[in-house]
Amino acid sequence: MCKKEYEGLPREDIMGENPVLVAASAPGKCILFGEHAVVYGQPAVAVAIEQRLTVSMSSALTWSVDGSALDEQKHPHITLLRDTWLKHGQPMAIHVSGDIPSASGLGSSAALSAAVGAAMHHLAHPEKGIDRDGLSAFAHRAEAHAQQGRASP
């Protein structure tokens, strides 16, 4: 899920300047049953899908996502993750790539939260492994924050 060098990613950021420090990836999801009920705390059946989202992070002068300044209104989940793990750390340029269609119901936003969370955790605590259950719970909290409390797990 999280590697210092991720096969197939550029070795520099999108501007070709700073080396990629960390990259992480997360799959999309498909909720088979209970798609609407799950946001109200009811059970659902979900599976991971092959489509993935990958983030790479490199040092920068200011926080950015794909070349644009990190906007708390547009990416409240990324802002929450940053404020938790890297608030006083080096600003990062975040590059997002993948094949999960946006706004398709396949979990692109949740995958973004999980991948960014994994990458930031690795930068903040490179000596510690990632607790996948803890990361999943925290990424879900970030998603719920971004979606006013109504994110599917």
N, C-alpha and C. Protein backbone atom coordinates (compact mmCIF):
# COMPACT_ATOMS: atom_id res chain seq x y z
N MET A 1 0.81 -1.19 0.00
CA MET A 1 0.00 0.00 0.00
C MET A 1 0.86 1.26 0.00
N CYS A 2 1.97 1.28 0.72
CA CYS A 2 2.77 2.49 0.81
C CYS A 2 4.23 2.11 0.60
N LYS A 3 4.87 2.77 -0.34
CA LYS A 3 6.27 2.50 -0.64
C LYS A 3 6.99 3.81 -0.85
N LYS A 4 8.29 3.82 -0.56
CA LYS A 4 9.07 5.02 -0.83
C LYS A 4 9.17 5.26 -2.32
N GLU A 5 9.37 4.21 -3.08
CA GLU A 5 9.39 4.34 -4.53
C GLU A 5 8.34 3.40 -5.08
N TYR A 6 7.43 3.91 -5.84
CA TYR A 6 6.32 3.13 -6.34
C TYR A 6 6.55 2.85 -7.81
N GLU A 7 6.57 1.58 -8.19
CA GLU A 7 6.82 1.21 -9.57
C GLU A 7 5.83 1.90 -10.51
N GLY A 8 6.36 2.50 -11.56
CA GLY A 8 5.51 3.14 -12.55
C GLY A 8 5.26 4.61 -12.29
N LEU A 9 5.65 5.12 -11.12
CA LEU A 9 5.45 6.54 -10.83
C LEU A 9 6.68 7.33 -11.24
N PRO A 10 6.51 8.60 -11.56
CA PRO A 10 7.67 9.41 -11.86
C PRO A 10 8.56 9.54 -10.63
N ARG A 11 9.84 9.69 -10.84
CA ARG A 11 10.77 9.85 -9.73
C ARG A 11 10.79 11.30 -9.23
N GLU A 12 10.20 12.22 -10.01
CA GLU A 12 10.10 13.61 -9.60
C GLU A 12 8.63 14.00 -9.55
N ASP A 13 8.37 15.15 -8.93
CA ASP A 13 6.99 15.63 -8.87
C ASP A 13 6.54 16.05 -10.27
N ILE A 14 5.29 16.52 -10.38
CA ILE A 14 4.74 16.82 -11.69
C ILE A 14 5.44 17.99 -12.36
N MET A 15 6.16 18.80 -11.61
CA MET A 15 6.92 19.90 -12.20
C MET A 15 8.33 19.44 -12.58
N GLY A 16 8.67 18.18 -12.26
CA GLY A 16 9.99 17.65 -12.59
C GLY A 16 11.09 18.16 -11.69
N GLU A 17 10.74 18.63 -10.49
CA GLU A 17 11.72 19.28 -9.64
C GLU A 17 12.14 18.43 -8.44
N ASN A 18 11.23 18.07 -7.60
CA ASN A 18 11.56 17.40 -6.35
C ASN A 18 11.32 15.90 -6.44
N PRO A 19 12.21 15.12 -5.83
CA PRO A 19 11.99 13.67 -5.88
C PRO A 19 10.75 13.26 -5.09
N VAL A 20 10.09 12.25 -5.58
CA VAL A 20 8.93 11.70 -4.87
C VAL A 20 9.45 11.05 -3.59
N LEU A 21 8.89 11.46 -2.46
CA LEU A 21 9.31 10.92 -1.17
C LEU A 21 8.56 9.66 -0.79
N VAL A 22 7.29 9.62 -1.15
CA VAL A 22 6.46 8.48 -0.78
C VAL A 22 5.29 8.39 -1.75
N ALA A 23 4.80 7.19 -1.94
CA ALA A 23 3.60 6.98 -2.75
C ALA A 23 2.77 5.92 -2.06
N ALA A 24 1.47 6.02 -2.23
CA ALA A 24 0.56 5.03 -1.64
C ALA A 24 -0.62 4.86 -2.58
N SER A 25 -1.27 3.73 -2.45
CA SER A 25 -2.35 3.37 -3.36
C SER A 25 -3.49 2.74 -2.57
N ALA A 26 -4.72 2.92 -3.05
CA ALA A 26 -5.88 2.29 -2.43
C ALA A 26 -6.88 1.92 -3.51
N PRO A 27 -7.59 0.80 -3.32
CA PRO A 27 -8.57 0.38 -4.33
C PRO A 27 -9.89 1.12 -4.20
N GLY A 28 -10.65 1.08 -5.27
CA GLY A 28 -12.03 1.54 -5.22
C GLY A 28 -12.88 0.46 -4.59
N LYS A 29 -14.17 0.72 -4.47
CA LYS A 29 -15.07 -0.26 -3.86
C LYS A 29 -16.39 -0.28 -4.61
N CYS A 30 -17.06 -1.39 -4.47
CA CYS A 30 -18.40 -1.52 -5.01
C CYS A 30 -19.28 -2.07 -3.90
N ILE A 31 -20.34 -1.36 -3.57
CA ILE A 31 -21.28 -1.84 -2.56
C ILE A 31 -22.34 -2.65 -3.29
N LEU A 32 -22.37 -3.95 -3.02
CA LEU A 32 -23.28 -4.85 -3.72
C LEU A 32 -24.70 -4.76 -3.20
N PHE A 33 -24.85 -4.68 -1.87
CA PHE A 33 -26.17 -4.61 -1.24
C PHE A 33 -26.11 -3.60 -0.10
N GLY A 34 -27.14 -2.80 0.05
CA GLY A 34 -27.21 -1.85 1.16
C GLY A 34 -26.53 -0.53 0.89
N GLU A 35 -26.44 -0.14 -0.37
CA GLU A 35 -25.72 1.07 -0.76
C GLU A 35 -26.20 2.32 -0.03
N HIS A 36 -27.49 2.48 0.11
CA HIS A 36 -28.01 3.67 0.78
C HIS A 36 -28.12 3.47 2.29
N ALA A 37 -28.39 2.26 2.71
CA ALA A 37 -28.56 1.98 4.14
C ALA A 37 -27.26 2.16 4.92
N VAL A 38 -26.13 1.90 4.27
CA VAL A 38 -24.85 1.91 4.98
C VAL A 38 -24.52 3.29 5.54
N VAL A 39 -24.94 4.37 4.88
CA VAL A 39 -24.63 5.70 5.40
C VAL A 39 -25.43 6.02 6.67
N TYR A 40 -26.42 5.19 6.98
CA TYR A 40 -27.20 5.36 8.20
C TYR A 40 -26.85 4.31 9.25
N GLY A 41 -25.69 3.66 9.08
CA GLY A 41 -25.20 2.71 10.06
C GLY A 41 -25.73 1.30 9.92
N GLN A 42 -26.43 1.01 8.85
CA GLN A 42 -26.96 -0.33 8.62
C GLN A 42 -25.92 -1.16 7.84
N PRO A 43 -26.04 -2.48 7.89
CA PRO A 43 -25.06 -3.33 7.20
C PRO A 43 -25.15 -3.23 5.68
N ALA A 44 -24.03 -3.55 5.05
CA ALA A 44 -23.95 -3.59 3.59
C ALA A 44 -22.92 -4.64 3.21
N VAL A 45 -22.95 -5.06 1.97
CA VAL A 45 -21.95 -5.99 1.44
C VAL A 45 -21.16 -5.22 0.38
N ALA A 46 -19.85 -5.09 0.61
CA ALA A 46 -19.00 -4.34 -0.31
C ALA A 46 -17.77 -5.17 -0.66
N VAL A 47 -17.21 -4.89 -1.82
CA VAL A 47 -15.99 -5.57 -2.26
C VAL A 47 -15.03 -4.53 -2.84
N ALA A 48 -13.74 -4.81 -2.71
CA ALA A 48 -12.73 -3.98 -3.37
C ALA A 48 -12.75 -4.31 -4.86
N ILE A 49 -12.45 -3.32 -5.68
CA ILE A 49 -12.40 -3.53 -7.13
C ILE A 49 -10.96 -3.32 -7.61
N GLU A 50 -10.70 -3.71 -8.84
CA GLU A 50 -9.35 -3.60 -9.39
C GLU A 50 -8.90 -2.16 -9.59
N GLN A 51 -9.80 -1.27 -9.90
CA GLN A 51 -9.41 0.12 -10.14
C GLN A 51 -8.84 0.71 -8.85
N ARG A 52 -7.75 1.47 -9.01
CA ARG A 52 -7.04 2.03 -7.86
C ARG A 52 -6.79 3.51 -8.05
N LEU A 53 -6.50 4.15 -6.94
CA LEU A 53 -6.07 5.53 -6.94
C LEU A 53 -4.70 5.56 -6.27
N THR A 54 -3.76 6.28 -6.84
CA THR A 54 -2.41 6.36 -6.30
C THR A 54 -2.07 7.82 -6.04
N VAL A 55 -1.44 8.08 -4.91
CA VAL A 55 -0.93 9.42 -4.63
C VAL A 55 0.58 9.33 -4.46
N SER A 56 1.26 10.34 -4.95
CA SER A 56 2.69 10.48 -4.68
C SER A 56 2.88 11.85 -4.06
N MET A 57 3.84 11.94 -3.16
CA MET A 57 4.08 13.19 -2.44
C MET A 57 5.55 13.56 -2.53
N SER A 58 5.80 14.84 -2.78
CA SER A 58 7.16 15.36 -2.82
C SER A 58 7.21 16.68 -2.06
N SER A 59 8.39 17.04 -1.59
CA SER A 59 8.57 18.29 -0.85
C SER A 59 8.20 19.48 -1.72
N ALA A 60 7.65 20.52 -1.09
CA ALA A 60 7.24 21.71 -1.82
C ALA A 60 7.32 22.92 -0.89
N LEU A 61 7.13 24.09 -1.46
CA LEU A 61 7.10 25.31 -0.65
C LEU A 61 5.75 25.51 0.02
N THR A 62 4.68 25.06 -0.63
CA THR A 62 3.33 25.15 -0.08
C THR A 62 2.59 23.85 -0.40
N TRP A 63 1.53 23.59 0.33
CA TRP A 63 0.71 22.41 0.08
C TRP A 63 -0.06 22.57 -1.22
N SER A 64 -0.05 21.51 -2.04
CA SER A 64 -0.80 21.56 -3.30
C SER A 64 -1.30 20.17 -3.66
N VAL A 65 -2.34 20.15 -4.50
CA VAL A 65 -2.88 18.91 -5.06
C VAL A 65 -2.90 19.09 -6.57
N ASP A 66 -2.14 18.28 -7.27
CA ASP A 66 -2.06 18.33 -8.73
C ASP A 66 -1.79 19.74 -9.25
N GLY A 67 -0.88 20.44 -8.60
CA GLY A 67 -0.44 21.75 -9.07
C GLY A 67 -1.25 22.93 -8.59
N SER A 68 -2.38 22.70 -7.92
CA SER A 68 -3.21 23.79 -7.38
C SER A 68 -3.09 23.81 -5.86
N ALA A 69 -3.14 24.99 -5.29
CA ALA A 69 -3.05 25.12 -3.84
C ALA A 69 -4.09 24.23 -3.16
N LEU A 70 -3.69 23.61 -2.05
CA LEU A 70 -4.62 22.79 -1.28
C LEU A 70 -5.74 23.68 -0.76
N ASP A 71 -6.95 23.40 -1.19
CA ASP A 71 -8.13 24.19 -0.84
C ASP A 71 -8.96 23.40 0.17
N GLU A 72 -9.10 23.94 1.38
CA GLU A 72 -9.84 23.24 2.43
C GLU A 72 -11.29 22.98 2.04
N GLN A 73 -11.88 23.85 1.25
CA GLN A 73 -13.26 23.65 0.82
C GLN A 73 -13.38 22.49 -0.18
N LYS A 74 -12.40 22.37 -1.05
CA LYS A 74 -12.43 21.32 -2.08
C LYS A 74 -11.95 19.98 -1.54
N HIS A 75 -10.97 20.01 -0.63
CA HIS A 75 -10.38 18.77 -0.10
C HIS A 75 -10.34 18.80 1.43
N PRO A 76 -11.51 18.87 2.10
CA PRO A 76 -11.48 18.92 3.56
C PRO A 76 -10.89 17.65 4.18
N HIS A 77 -11.04 16.51 3.49
CA HIS A 77 -10.49 15.26 4.01
C HIS A 77 -8.96 15.30 3.99
N ILE A 78 -8.35 15.84 2.94
CA ILE A 78 -6.89 15.94 2.88
C ILE A 78 -6.41 16.92 3.95
N THR A 79 -7.13 18.02 4.12
CA THR A 79 -6.75 19.01 5.14
C THR A 79 -6.79 18.38 6.53
N LEU A 80 -7.82 17.60 6.83
CA LEU A 80 -7.91 16.94 8.13
C LEU A 80 -6.75 15.97 8.33
N LEU A 81 -6.42 15.19 7.31
CA LEU A 81 -5.30 14.25 7.40
C LEU A 81 -3.99 15.00 7.61
N ARG A 82 -3.78 16.07 6.85
CA ARG A 82 -2.57 16.88 6.99
C ARG A 82 -2.47 17.44 8.40
N ASP A 83 -3.56 18.01 8.90
CA ASP A 83 -3.53 18.62 10.22
C ASP A 83 -3.30 17.60 11.33
N THR A 84 -3.62 16.35 11.07
CA THR A 84 -3.40 15.30 12.05
C THR A 84 -1.96 14.80 12.04
N TRP A 85 -1.42 14.53 10.84
CA TRP A 85 -0.10 13.90 10.77
C TRP A 85 1.05 14.83 10.40
N LEU A 86 0.80 15.86 9.63
CA LEU A 86 1.92 16.67 9.13
C LEU A 86 1.71 18.17 9.32
N LYS A 87 0.93 18.56 10.31
CA LYS A 87 0.60 19.98 10.48
C LYS A 87 1.84 20.86 10.56
N HIS A 88 2.84 20.42 11.28
CA HIS A 88 4.05 21.23 11.46
C HIS A 88 5.21 20.72 10.61
N GLY A 89 4.91 19.85 9.68
CA GLY A 89 5.95 19.28 8.83
C GLY A 89 6.15 20.06 7.54
N GLN A 90 7.03 19.56 6.73
CA GLN A 90 7.33 20.13 5.42
C GLN A 90 6.09 20.11 4.54
N PRO A 91 5.75 21.22 3.88
CA PRO A 91 4.64 21.18 2.91
C PRO A 91 4.92 20.18 1.80
N MET A 92 3.87 19.62 1.24
CA MET A 92 3.99 18.59 0.22
C MET A 92 3.18 18.93 -1.02
N ALA A 93 3.71 18.53 -2.15
CA ALA A 93 2.96 18.54 -3.41
C ALA A 93 2.40 17.14 -3.57
N ILE A 94 1.09 17.04 -3.68
CA ILE A 94 0.42 15.75 -3.81
C ILE A 94 -0.01 15.58 -5.26
N HIS A 95 0.38 14.46 -5.85
CA HIS A 95 -0.04 14.15 -7.22
C HIS A 95 -0.96 12.93 -7.15
N VAL A 96 -2.12 13.04 -7.77
CA VAL A 96 -3.12 11.97 -7.73
C VAL A 96 -3.28 11.38 -9.13
N SER A 97 -3.26 10.06 -9.21
CA SER A 97 -3.52 9.39 -10.48
C SER A 97 -4.32 8.12 -10.20
N GLY A 98 -4.93 7.60 -11.21
CA GLY A 98 -5.67 6.36 -11.03
C GLY A 98 -6.77 6.21 -12.05
N ASP A 99 -7.48 5.11 -11.92
CA ASP A 99 -8.52 4.81 -12.90
C ASP A 99 -9.89 4.58 -12.25
N ILE A 100 -10.11 5.18 -11.07
CA ILE A 100 -11.45 5.15 -10.46
C ILE A 100 -12.17 6.40 -10.94
N PRO A 101 -13.26 6.24 -11.68
CA PRO A 101 -13.97 7.43 -12.15
C PRO A 101 -14.54 8.25 -10.98
N SER A 102 -14.34 9.54 -11.03
CA SER A 102 -14.87 10.45 -10.01
C SER A 102 -16.40 10.46 -10.05
N ALA A 103 -17.02 10.59 -8.90
CA ALA A 103 -18.48 10.69 -8.78
C ALA A 103 -19.21 9.50 -9.40
N SER A 104 -18.58 8.33 -9.37
CA SER A 104 -19.18 7.14 -9.96
C SER A 104 -19.78 6.21 -8.91
N GLY A 105 -19.59 6.54 -7.63
CA GLY A 105 -20.06 5.65 -6.57
C GLY A 105 -19.11 4.50 -6.31
N LEU A 106 -17.89 4.57 -6.86
CA LEU A 106 -16.92 3.49 -6.69
C LEU A 106 -15.85 3.81 -5.65
N GLY A 107 -16.09 4.83 -4.84
CA GLY A 107 -15.20 5.10 -3.72
C GLY A 107 -13.93 5.86 -4.04
N SER A 108 -13.94 6.71 -5.07
CA SER A 108 -12.72 7.44 -5.41
C SER A 108 -12.29 8.37 -4.28
N SER A 109 -13.23 9.02 -3.64
CA SER A 109 -12.91 9.93 -2.55
C SER A 109 -12.39 9.16 -1.33
N ALA A 110 -12.99 8.03 -1.04
CA ALA A 110 -12.52 7.19 0.07
C ALA A 110 -11.13 6.64 -0.23
N ALA A 111 -10.89 6.24 -1.47
CA ALA A 111 -9.56 5.76 -1.85
C ALA A 111 -8.53 6.87 -1.71
N LEU A 112 -8.92 8.10 -2.07
CA LEU A 112 -8.02 9.24 -1.91
C LEU A 112 -7.68 9.44 -0.44
N SER A 113 -8.67 9.39 0.44
CA SER A 113 -8.41 9.55 1.87
C SER A 113 -7.49 8.45 2.39
N ALA A 114 -7.73 7.22 1.98
CA ALA A 114 -6.90 6.10 2.45
C ALA A 114 -5.47 6.22 1.94
N ALA A 115 -5.30 6.54 0.66
CA ALA A 115 -3.95 6.64 0.09
C ALA A 115 -3.18 7.82 0.67
N VAL A 116 -3.84 8.98 0.77
CA VAL A 116 -3.18 10.16 1.36
C VAL A 116 -2.85 9.88 2.83
N GLY A 117 -3.78 9.27 3.56
CA GLY A 117 -3.52 8.93 4.95
C GLY A 117 -2.33 7.99 5.11
N ALA A 118 -2.24 6.98 4.25
CA ALA A 118 -1.11 6.04 4.31
C ALA A 118 0.20 6.75 4.01
N ALA A 119 0.21 7.60 2.99
CA ALA A 119 1.43 8.32 2.63
C ALA A 119 1.86 9.27 3.75
N MET A 120 0.91 10.01 4.31
CA MET A 120 1.24 10.95 5.38
C MET A 120 1.69 10.22 6.64
N HIS A 121 1.05 9.11 6.95
CA HIS A 121 1.47 8.31 8.10
C HIS A 121 2.91 7.86 7.91
N HIS A 122 3.25 7.41 6.72
CA HIS A 122 4.61 6.96 6.46
C HIS A 122 5.62 8.10 6.61
N LEU A 123 5.26 9.29 6.13
CA LEU A 123 6.17 10.44 6.27
C LEU A 123 6.32 10.84 7.73
N ALA A 124 5.24 10.80 8.49
CA ALA A 124 5.27 11.20 9.90
C ALA A 124 5.95 10.15 10.78
N HIS A 125 5.78 8.88 10.45
CA HIS A 125 6.30 7.78 11.28
C HIS A 125 6.93 6.71 10.40
N PRO A 126 8.06 7.02 9.73
CA PRO A 126 8.64 6.04 8.80
C PRO A 126 9.09 4.75 9.47
N GLU A 127 9.31 4.80 10.77
CA GLU A 127 9.77 3.61 11.48
C GLU A 127 8.63 2.67 11.85
N LYS A 128 7.39 3.15 11.77
CA LYS A 128 6.24 2.34 12.17
C LYS A 128 5.52 1.78 10.95
N GLY A 129 5.07 0.56 11.07
CA GLY A 129 4.21 -0.01 10.04
C GLY A 129 2.82 0.61 10.14
N ILE A 130 2.04 0.42 9.11
CA ILE A 130 0.69 0.99 9.10
C ILE A 130 -0.30 -0.04 9.62
N ASP A 131 -1.08 0.36 10.60
CA ASP A 131 -2.18 -0.46 11.10
C ASP A 131 -3.34 -0.24 10.14
N ARG A 132 -3.63 -1.22 9.30
CA ARG A 132 -4.64 -1.05 8.26
C ARG A 132 -6.03 -0.76 8.82
N ASP A 133 -6.38 -1.40 9.93
CA ASP A 133 -7.69 -1.13 10.53
C ASP A 133 -7.76 0.30 11.05
N GLY A 134 -6.68 0.73 11.70
CA GLY A 134 -6.63 2.10 12.20
C GLY A 134 -6.65 3.11 11.07
N LEU A 135 -5.91 2.84 10.00
CA LEU A 135 -5.90 3.73 8.85
C LEU A 135 -7.29 3.78 8.22
N SER A 136 -7.93 2.64 8.09
CA SER A 136 -9.27 2.59 7.52
C SER A 136 -10.24 3.43 8.34
N ALA A 137 -10.18 3.28 9.66
CA ALA A 137 -11.08 4.05 10.54
C ALA A 137 -10.79 5.54 10.43
N PHE A 138 -9.51 5.90 10.38
CA PHE A 138 -9.18 7.32 10.30
C PHE A 138 -9.55 7.90 8.94
N ALA A 139 -9.32 7.15 7.87
CA ALA A 139 -9.72 7.62 6.53
C ALA A 139 -11.23 7.79 6.47
N HIS A 140 -11.97 6.88 7.12
CA HIS A 140 -13.43 7.01 7.16
C HIS A 140 -13.84 8.26 7.91
N ARG A 141 -13.15 8.56 9.02
CA ARG A 141 -13.44 9.80 9.75
C ARG A 141 -13.20 11.02 8.88
N ALA A 142 -12.11 11.00 8.10
CA ALA A 142 -11.81 12.12 7.20
C ALA A 142 -12.90 12.25 6.14
N GLU A 143 -13.36 11.12 5.61
CA GLU A 143 -14.44 11.13 4.62
C GLU A 143 -15.73 11.65 5.22
N ALA A 144 -16.05 11.20 6.42
CA ALA A 144 -17.27 11.66 7.09
C ALA A 144 -17.19 13.17 7.33
N HIS A 145 -16.01 13.65 7.69
CA HIS A 145 -15.81 15.10 7.86
C HIS A 145 -16.08 15.83 6.55
N ALA A 146 -15.58 15.29 5.46
CA ALA A 146 -15.74 15.92 4.14
C ALA A 146 -17.18 15.87 3.66
N GLN A 147 -17.92 14.85 4.06
CA GLN A 147 -19.29 14.66 3.56
C GLN A 147 -20.34 14.91 4.65
N GLN A 148 -20.01 15.78 5.58
CA GLN A 148 -20.92 16.16 6.66
C GLN A 148 -21.49 14.94 7.40
N GLY A 149 -20.61 13.97 7.69
CA GLY A 149 -20.99 12.84 8.52
C GLY A 149 -21.66 11.68 7.82
N ARG A 150 -21.75 11.70 6.49
CA ARG A 150 -22.51 10.65 5.79
C ARG A 150 -21.66 9.88 4.79
N ALA A 151 -20.51 9.41 5.24
CA ALA A 151 -19.65 8.61 4.37
C ALA A 151 -19.92 7.13 4.58
N SER A 152 -19.89 6.36 3.51
CA SER A 152 -20.05 4.91 3.68
C SER A 152 -18.71 4.33 4.09
N PRO A 153 -18.72 3.32 4.97
CA PRO A 153 -17.47 2.72 5.44
C PRO A 153 -16.77 1.91 4.37
